[in-house]
Amino acid sequence: MRLILLLAALLIVGLLLYRQIGGIPDRSIDVPAAGSGPEVPRVPQRPQDLPVFEEQMQQFMQDTGEQRRRQLEAEER
C-alpha cells in the first residue's frame, strides 16, 4: 500500500515538474510589430540623465496607455 501511494505521489510530482519545466510552450503571445507603437526610451548611462529619462518614461507610459485605449475602443465597436 505504501509503495502504491509513493508511486502515485511520484507520478503527480513528475507531471507537475513536466508542466513547469518542459511543457508545451504557450503560443498565444501577441508580439507587436516593430514600429507599431511609441518608441521605448533608452536607459541613461549617466546619473545626470535620470530626470530626462523619467520624463521620457512618463510620456512613453501615457502614449502606450492611450494607444491601448484606442485599440480597445476599436475592438468594442
Protein backbone atom coordinates (compact mmCIF):
# COMPACT_ATOMS: atom_id res chain seq x y z
CA MET A 1 0.00 0.00 0.00
CA ARG A 2 2.83 2.38 0.84
CA LEU A 3 4.51 1.56 -2.43
CA ILE A 4 1.36 2.44 -4.42
CA LEU A 5 1.00 5.78 -2.59
CA LEU A 6 4.68 6.52 -3.17
CA LEU A 7 4.35 5.77 -6.89
CA ALA A 8 1.21 7.94 -7.15
CA ALA A 9 2.96 10.82 -5.38
CA LEU A 10 5.98 10.50 -7.68
CA LEU A 11 3.69 10.49 -10.70
CA ILE A 12 1.96 13.67 -9.56
CA VAL A 13 5.26 15.41 -8.80
CA GLY A 14 6.63 14.29 -12.16
CA LEU A 15 3.63 15.68 -14.02
CA LEU A 16 3.88 18.98 -12.17
CA LEU A 17 7.59 19.26 -12.95
CA TYR A 18 6.94 18.41 -16.59
CA ARG A 19 4.40 21.21 -16.87
CA GLN A 20 6.65 23.72 -15.11
CA ILE A 21 9.89 22.90 -16.88
CA GLY A 22 9.33 21.23 -20.19
CA GLY A 23 5.69 21.51 -21.02
CA ILE A 24 4.28 22.71 -24.28
CA PRO A 25 5.06 26.44 -24.64
CA ASP A 26 2.17 28.90 -24.75
CA ARG A 27 1.98 30.22 -28.29
CA SER A 28 -0.77 32.75 -27.62
CA ILE A 29 1.60 35.65 -27.00
CA ASP A 30 0.89 38.60 -29.27
CA VAL A 31 4.10 40.45 -30.12
CA PRO A 32 3.52 43.86 -31.70
CA ALA A 33 5.30 44.61 -34.96
CA ALA A 34 8.34 46.86 -34.87
CA GLY A 35 7.41 50.50 -35.18
CA SER A 36 3.76 49.91 -34.37
CA GLY A 37 3.88 51.80 -31.10
CA PRO A 38 5.72 54.59 -29.35
CA GLU A 39 9.49 54.34 -29.25
CA VAL A 40 10.87 52.99 -25.98
CA PRO A 41 13.27 55.41 -24.24
CA ARG A 42 16.87 54.33 -23.89
CA VAL A 43 18.24 53.75 -20.40
CA PRO A 44 20.63 56.56 -19.40
CA GLN A 45 24.31 55.86 -18.88
CA ARG A 46 24.99 58.84 -16.61
CA PRO A 47 23.20 59.77 -13.38
CA GLN A 48 22.68 63.31 -14.67
CA ASP A 49 20.39 61.96 -17.40
CA LEU A 50 17.90 60.41 -14.96
CA PRO A 51 15.45 63.35 -14.83
CA VAL A 52 15.18 63.41 -18.62
CA PHE A 53 14.75 59.64 -18.66
CA GLU A 54 11.97 59.90 -16.07
CA GLU A 55 10.10 62.39 -18.26
CA GLN A 56 10.58 60.17 -21.30
CA MET A 57 9.26 57.13 -19.41
CA GLN A 58 6.22 59.06 -18.18
CA GLN A 59 5.46 60.15 -21.75
CA PHE A 60 6.01 56.61 -23.04
CA MET A 61 3.59 55.17 -20.48
CA GLN A 62 0.96 57.77 -21.32
CA ASP A 63 1.35 57.21 -25.06
CA THR A 64 1.17 53.44 -24.67
CA GLY A 65 -1.89 53.67 -22.44
CA GLU A 66 -3.61 55.94 -24.93
CA GLN A 67 -2.78 53.57 -27.79
CA ARG A 68 -4.17 50.58 -25.87
CA ARG A 69 -7.31 52.54 -25.00
CA ARG A 70 -7.87 53.34 -28.68
CA GLN A 71 -7.31 49.69 -29.63
CA LEU A 72 -9.83 48.52 -27.05
CA GLU A 73 -12.39 51.05 -28.21
CA ALA A 74 -11.89 49.94 -31.80
CA GLU A 75 -12.35 46.28 -30.86
CA GLU A 76 -15.53 47.00 -28.90
CA ARG A 77 -17.21 48.51 -31.96
